[in-house]
């Protein structure tokens, strides 16, 4: 898509959004802010309006304790590194998805949840709240699932690391859609 001289606000936020992985400032991430953003984010497309997600918020007052618990699930030689890594965000939003037995419904649930996460990310960006979607190995760890009370038929889709920032991360160019586009010739 080629931007015209007058791009829309939506085009701009899509293109300006960045993954904010570190260098968060001290401004706390309020639970009320996250809930407000989620109220709009959940309007993502979802097959059968299943809305297969739920959320676990870890606020600034619990983030360090949470980081310690998750880091403790790693081998001892990696625990300090993982603790330091998990101390970087101001808060976390853990996104959990229902895992149905049907592969088709599983795929639909994952697609819907990914769309919802993108909605949340774009809405957060508009508020200068930095987000990065992390899928580190601990999201697959049963001990972490137990810490978060994730059920047997649920999947942690990711940890969204949250925090306000003073400086935008650098832009990374994208390959043009035209370079990846073909037309079926039956």
C-alpha atoms as a PDB file:
ATOM      1  CA  UNK A   1       0.000   0.000   0.000  1.00  0.00           C
ATOM      2  CA  UNK A   2       1.349   3.375  -0.958  1.00  0.00           C
ATOM      3  CA  UNK A   3       0.513   6.114   1.499  1.00  0.00           C
ATOM      4  CA  UNK A   4      -1.040   9.180   0.003  1.00  0.00           C
ATOM      5  CA  UNK A   5      -0.142  12.643   1.184  1.00  0.00           C
ATOM      6  CA  UNK A   6      -3.138  12.457   3.520  1.00  0.00           C
ATOM      7  CA  UNK A   7      -2.862   9.093   5.227  1.00  0.00           C
ATOM      8  CA  UNK A   8      -5.521   8.155   7.717  1.00  0.00           C
ATOM      9  CA  UNK A   9      -4.981   8.023  11.458  1.00  0.00           C
ATOM     10  CA  UNK A  10      -5.306   4.243  11.277  1.00  0.00           C
ATOM     11  CA  UNK A  11      -2.634   3.995   8.575  1.00  0.00           C
ATOM     12  CA  UNK A  12      -0.339   6.142  10.671  1.00  0.00           C
ATOM     13  CA  UNK A  13      -0.746   4.180  13.899  1.00  0.00           C
ATOM     14  CA  UNK A  14      -0.217   0.877  12.050  1.00  0.00           C
ATOM     15  CA  UNK A  15       2.999   2.148  10.470  1.00  0.00           C
ATOM     16  CA  UNK A  16       4.282   4.021  13.529  1.00  0.00           C
ATOM     17  CA  UNK A  17       3.705   1.263  16.086  1.00  0.00           C
ATOM     18  CA  UNK A  18       6.883  -0.249  17.473  1.00  0.00           C
ATOM     19  CA  UNK A  19       7.816  -3.079  19.781  1.00  0.00           C
ATOM     20  CA  UNK A  20       8.996  -1.469  22.998  1.00  0.00           C
ATOM     21  CA  UNK A  21      11.292  -4.042  24.579  1.00  0.00           C
ATOM     22  CA  UNK A  22      13.212  -1.939  27.104  1.00  0.00           C
ATOM     23  CA  UNK A  23      14.047   1.546  28.344  1.00  0.00           C
ATOM     24  CA  UNK A  24      10.663   2.004  29.976  1.00  0.00           C
ATOM     25  CA  UNK A  25      10.297   5.052  32.188  1.00  0.00           C
ATOM     26  CA  UNK A  26       8.991   5.109  35.779  1.00  0.00           C
ATOM     27  CA  UNK A  27       5.378   5.922  34.953  1.00  0.00           C
ATOM     28  CA  UNK A  28       3.235   3.087  36.368  1.00  0.00           C
ATOM     29  CA  UNK A  29       0.905   1.106  34.120  1.00  0.00           C
ATOM     30  CA  UNK A  30      -2.527   1.272  35.721  1.00  0.00           C
ATOM     31  CA  UNK A  31      -4.854  -1.719  35.719  1.00  0.00           C
ATOM     32  CA  UNK A  32      -7.728   0.597  34.769  1.00  0.00           C
ATOM     33  CA  UNK A  33      -5.833   1.713  31.642  1.00  0.00           C
ATOM     34  CA  UNK A  34      -5.239  -1.878  30.550  1.00  0.00           C
ATOM     35  CA  UNK A  35      -8.900  -2.776  31.144  1.00  0.00           C
ATOM     36  CA  UNK A  36     -10.046   0.241  29.136  1.00  0.00           C
ATOM     37  CA  UNK A  37      -7.795  -0.699  26.211  1.00  0.00           C
ATOM     38  CA  UNK A  38      -9.021  -4.287  26.335  1.00  0.00           C
ATOM     39  CA  UNK A  39     -12.660  -3.173  26.127  1.00  0.00           C
ATOM     40  CA  UNK A  40     -11.934  -1.991  22.584  1.00  0.00           C
ATOM     41  CA  UNK A  41      -9.343  -4.654  21.709  1.00  0.00           C
ATOM     42  CA  UNK A  42     -11.827  -7.506  22.207  1.00  0.00           C
ATOM     43  CA  UNK A  43     -13.765  -6.299  19.167  1.00  0.00           C
ATOM     44  CA  UNK A  44     -11.350  -8.369  17.071  1.00  0.00           C
ATOM     45  CA  UNK A  45     -12.856 -10.822  14.599  1.00  0.00           C
ATOM     46  CA  UNK A  46     -13.623 -14.130  16.305  1.00  0.00           C
ATOM     47  CA  UNK A  47     -15.283 -17.194  14.742  1.00  0.00           C
ATOM     48  CA  UNK A  48     -18.706 -17.786  16.262  1.00  0.00           C
ATOM     49  CA  UNK A  49     -17.977 -14.870  18.597  1.00  0.00           C
ATOM     50  CA  UNK A  50     -16.193 -17.432  20.819  1.00  0.00           C
ATOM     51  CA  UNK A  51     -13.915 -14.748  22.245  1.00  0.00           C
ATOM     52  CA  UNK A  52     -11.433 -17.461  23.280  1.00  0.00           C
ATOM     53  CA  UNK A  53      -9.239 -15.263  25.460  1.00  0.00           C
ATOM     54  CA  UNK A  54      -8.779 -14.243  29.038  1.00  0.00           C
ATOM     55  CA  UNK A  55      -6.259 -11.943  30.658  1.00  0.00           C
ATOM     56  CA  UNK A  56      -4.037 -11.928  33.727  1.00  0.00           C
ATOM     57  CA  UNK A  57      -2.659  -8.521  34.706  1.00  0.00           C
ATOM     58  CA  UNK A  58       0.508  -8.241  36.765  1.00  0.00           C
ATOM     59  CA  UNK A  59       0.811  -4.625  37.842  1.00  0.00           C
ATOM     60  CA  UNK A  60       3.834  -2.626  38.916  1.00  0.00           C
ATOM     61  CA  UNK A  61       3.348  -3.582  42.557  1.00  0.00           C
ATOM     62  CA  UNK A  62       3.615  -7.317  41.727  1.00  0.00           C
ATOM     63  CA  UNK A  63       5.938  -7.270  38.699  1.00  0.00           C
ATOM     64  CA  UNK A  64       9.179  -7.937  40.583  1.00  0.00           C
ATOM     65  CA  UNK A  65       7.669 -10.758  42.666  1.00  0.00           C
ATOM     66  CA  UNK A  66       6.212 -12.253  39.501  1.00  0.00           C
ATOM     67  CA  UNK A  67       9.576 -11.939  37.702  1.00  0.00           C
ATOM     68  CA  UNK A  68      11.191 -13.842  40.567  1.00  0.00           C
ATOM     69  CA  UNK A  69       8.654 -16.653  40.433  1.00  0.00           C
ATOM     70  CA  UNK A  70       8.954 -17.078  36.680  1.00  0.00           C
ATOM     71  CA  UNK A  71      12.772 -16.836  36.771  1.00  0.00           C
ATOM     72  CA  UNK A  72      12.829 -19.576  39.435  1.00  0.00           C
ATOM     73  CA  UNK A  73      11.340 -22.015  36.894  1.00  0.00           C
ATOM     74  CA  UNK A  74      14.557 -21.827  34.828  1.00  0.00           C
ATOM     75  CA  UNK A  75      17.726 -23.833  35.491  1.00  0.00           C
ATOM     76  CA  UNK A  76      19.748 -22.232  38.274  1.00  0.00           C
ATOM     77  CA  UNK A  77      22.453 -20.929  35.931  1.00  0.00           C
ATOM     78  CA  UNK A  78      19.847 -18.935  33.955  1.00  0.00           C
ATOM     79  CA  UNK A  79      17.711 -17.628  36.812  1.00  0.00           C
ATOM     80  CA  UNK A  80      19.529 -14.327  37.395  1.00  0.00           C
ATOM     81  CA  UNK A  81      19.526 -13.517  33.677  1.00  0.00           C
ATOM     82  CA  UNK A  82      15.804 -14.302  33.376  1.00  0.00           C
ATOM     83  CA  UNK A  83      15.022 -12.291  36.515  1.00  0.00           C
ATOM     84  CA  UNK A  84      16.825  -9.231  35.135  1.00  0.00           C
ATOM     85  CA  UNK A  85      15.062  -9.662  31.785  1.00  0.00           C
ATOM     86  CA  UNK A  86      11.637  -9.926  33.427  1.00  0.00           C
ATOM     87  CA  UNK A  87      12.291  -6.919  35.676  1.00  0.00           C
ATOM     88  CA  UNK A  88      12.501  -4.617  32.633  1.00  0.00           C
ATOM     89  CA  UNK A  89       8.736  -4.164  31.986  1.00  0.00           C
ATOM     90  CA  UNK A  90       6.653  -2.048  34.326  1.00  0.00           C
ATOM     91  CA  UNK A  91       3.750  -4.507  34.093  1.00  0.00           C
ATOM     92  CA  UNK A  92       2.610  -7.620  32.233  1.00  0.00           C
ATOM     93  CA  UNK A  93      -0.561  -8.728  30.556  1.00  0.00           C
ATOM     94  CA  UNK A  94      -0.638 -12.489  30.114  1.00  0.00           C
ATOM     95  CA  UNK A  95      -3.001 -13.550  27.339  1.00  0.00           C
ATOM     96  CA  UNK A  96      -4.533 -16.999  27.724  1.00  0.00           C
ATOM     97  CA  UNK A  97      -6.513 -18.789  25.020  1.00  0.00           C
ATOM     98  CA  UNK A  98      -9.046 -21.631  25.147  1.00  0.00           C
ATOM     99  CA  UNK A  99      -7.630 -24.737  23.442  1.00  0.00           C
ATOM    100  CA  UNK A 100     -10.428 -26.750  21.822  1.00  0.00           C
ATOM    101  CA  UNK A 101      -9.820 -30.302  20.590  1.00  0.00           C
ATOM    102  CA  UNK A 102     -10.722 -29.436  16.994  1.00  0.00           C
ATOM    103  CA  UNK A 103      -7.650 -28.233  15.053  1.00  0.00           C
ATOM    104  CA  UNK A 104      -9.903 -25.942  12.997  1.00  0.00           C
ATOM    105  CA  UNK A 105     -11.304 -24.256  16.100  1.00  0.00           C
ATOM    106  CA  UNK A 106      -7.809 -24.094  17.647  1.00  0.00           C
ATOM    107  CA  UNK A 107      -6.539 -22.262  14.562  1.00  0.00           C
ATOM    108  CA  UNK A 108      -9.565 -19.946  14.609  1.00  0.00           C
ATOM    109  CA  UNK A 109      -9.026 -19.232  18.318  1.00  0.00           C
ATOM    110  CA  UNK A 110      -5.346 -18.463  17.821  1.00  0.00           C
ATOM    111  CA  UNK A 111      -6.079 -16.185  14.860  1.00  0.00           C
ATOM    112  CA  UNK A 112      -8.732 -14.318  16.826  1.00  0.00           C
ATOM    113  CA  UNK A 113      -6.452 -13.963  19.841  1.00  0.00           C
ATOM    114  CA  UNK A 114      -3.608 -12.656  17.675  1.00  0.00           C
ATOM    115  CA  UNK A 115      -5.987 -10.092  16.133  1.00  0.00           C
ATOM    116  CA  UNK A 116      -7.099  -9.014  19.593  1.00  0.00           C
ATOM    117  CA  UNK A 117      -3.479  -8.622  20.706  1.00  0.00           C
ATOM    118  CA  UNK A 118      -2.747  -6.449  17.659  1.00  0.00           C
ATOM    119  CA  UNK A 119      -5.800  -4.313  18.479  1.00  0.00           C
ATOM    120  CA  UNK A 120      -4.544  -3.898  22.059  1.00  0.00           C
ATOM    121  CA  UNK A 121      -1.053  -3.050  20.822  1.00  0.00           C
ATOM    122  CA  UNK A 122      -2.280  -0.359  18.441  1.00  0.00           C
ATOM    123  CA  UNK A 123      -4.587   1.148  21.065  1.00  0.00           C
ATOM    124  CA  UNK A 124      -1.764   1.151  23.620  1.00  0.00           C
ATOM    125  CA  UNK A 125       0.570   2.811  21.113  1.00  0.00           C
ATOM    126  CA  UNK A 126      -1.908   5.667  20.702  1.00  0.00           C
ATOM    127  CA  UNK A 127      -1.623   6.192  24.491  1.00  0.00           C
ATOM    128  CA  UNK A 128       2.201   6.058  24.363  1.00  0.00           C
ATOM    129  CA  UNK A 129       2.091   2.775  26.276  1.00  0.00           C
ATOM    130  CA  UNK A 130       4.821   0.498  24.983  1.00  0.00           C
ATOM    131  CA  UNK A 131       4.058  -3.151  24.305  1.00  0.00           C
ATOM    132  CA  UNK A 132       5.988  -6.148  23.079  1.00  0.00           C
ATOM    133  CA  UNK A 133       4.444  -9.621  22.622  1.00  0.00           C
ATOM    134  CA  UNK A 134       6.839 -12.210  24.072  1.00  0.00           C
ATOM    135  CA  UNK A 135       6.688 -15.959  23.545  1.00  0.00           C
ATOM    136  CA  UNK A 136       9.696 -17.023  25.600  1.00  0.00           C
ATOM    137  CA  UNK A 137      10.042 -20.660  26.605  1.00  0.00           C
ATOM    138  CA  UNK A 138       8.436 -20.054  30.011  1.00  0.00           C
ATOM    139  CA  UNK A 139       4.998 -19.683  28.393  1.00  0.00           C
ATOM    140  CA  UNK A 140       5.150 -23.444  27.731  1.00  0.00           C
ATOM    141  CA  UNK A 141       6.372 -24.353  31.221  1.00  0.00           C
ATOM    142  CA  UNK A 142       3.828 -26.171  33.408  1.00  0.00           C
ATOM    143  CA  UNK A 143       5.221 -24.473  36.536  1.00  0.00           C
ATOM    144  CA  UNK A 144       4.486 -21.054  35.018  1.00  0.00           C
ATOM    145  CA  UNK A 145       1.015 -22.245  34.006  1.00  0.00           C
ATOM    146  CA  UNK A 146       0.488 -23.338  37.615  1.00  0.00           C
ATOM    147  CA  UNK A 147       1.697 -19.965  38.957  1.00  0.00           C
ATOM    148  CA  UNK A 148      -0.920 -18.300  36.724  1.00  0.00           C
ATOM    149  CA  UNK A 149      -3.683 -20.890  37.257  1.00  0.00           C
ATOM    150  CA  UNK A 150      -3.816 -21.686  33.544  1.00  0.00           C
ATOM    151  CA  UNK A 151      -6.185 -24.592  32.959  1.00  0.00           C
ATOM    152  CA  UNK A 152      -5.551 -27.888  31.215  1.00  0.00           C
ATOM    153  CA  UNK A 153      -7.426 -26.777  28.076  1.00  0.00           C
ATOM    154  CA  UNK A 154      -5.803 -23.353  27.923  1.00  0.00           C
ATOM    155  CA  UNK A 155      -2.657 -21.986  26.290  1.00  0.00           C
ATOM    156  CA  UNK A 156      -0.569 -19.003  27.265  1.00  0.00           C
ATOM    157  CA  UNK A 157      -0.386 -17.160  23.943  1.00  0.00           C
ATOM    158  CA  UNK A 158       2.140 -14.721  25.277  1.00  0.00           C
ATOM    159  CA  UNK A 159       3.295 -12.275  27.860  1.00  0.00           C
ATOM    160  CA  UNK A 160       2.695  -8.700  26.780  1.00  0.00           C
ATOM    161  CA  UNK A 161       5.447  -6.633  28.373  1.00  0.00           C
ATOM    162  CA  UNK A 162       4.097  -3.172  29.165  1.00  0.00           C
ATOM    163  CA  UNK A 163       5.635   0.153  30.050  1.00  0.00           C
ATOM    164  CA  UNK A 164       5.642   3.813  29.139  1.00  0.00           C
ATOM    165  CA  UNK A 165       8.636   5.143  27.225  1.00  0.00           C
ATOM    166  CA  UNK A 166      10.302   8.442  26.451  1.00  0.00           C
ATOM    167  CA  UNK A 167      11.955   7.554  23.150  1.00  0.00           C
ATOM    168  CA  UNK A 168      10.450   5.548  20.285  1.00  0.00           C
ATOM    169  CA  UNK A 169      12.442   2.545  19.109  1.00  0.00           C
ATOM    170  CA  UNK A 170      13.893   2.839  15.624  1.00  0.00           C
ATOM    171  CA  UNK A 171      11.752   1.971  12.643  1.00  0.00           C
ATOM    172  CA  UNK A 172      12.516  -1.303  10.875  1.00  0.00           C
ATOM    173  CA  UNK A 173      11.480  -1.357   7.239  1.00  0.00           C
ATOM    174  CA  UNK A 174       9.106  -3.956   5.871  1.00  0.00           C
ATOM    175  CA  UNK A 175       9.178  -5.843   2.600  1.00  0.00           C
ATOM    176  CA  UNK A 176       6.566  -4.424   0.267  1.00  0.00           C
ATOM    177  CA  UNK A 177       3.423  -6.523  -0.045  1.00  0.00           C
ATOM    178  CA  UNK A 178       3.893  -6.277  -3.810  1.00  0.00           C
ATOM    179  CA  UNK A 179       7.110  -8.339  -3.452  1.00  0.00           C
ATOM    180  CA  UNK A 180       5.126 -11.150  -1.814  1.00  0.00           C
ATOM    181  CA  UNK A 181       2.004 -10.946  -3.950  1.00  0.00           C
ATOM    182  CA  UNK A 182       0.963 -13.315  -6.694  1.00  0.00           C
ATOM    183  CA  UNK A 183      -2.212 -13.851  -8.665  1.00  0.00           C
ATOM    184  CA  UNK A 184      -3.592 -17.347  -9.163  1.00  0.00           C
ATOM    185  CA  UNK A 185      -3.608 -18.354 -12.786  1.00  0.00           C
ATOM    186  CA  UNK A 186      -5.978 -21.358 -13.032  1.00  0.00           C
END
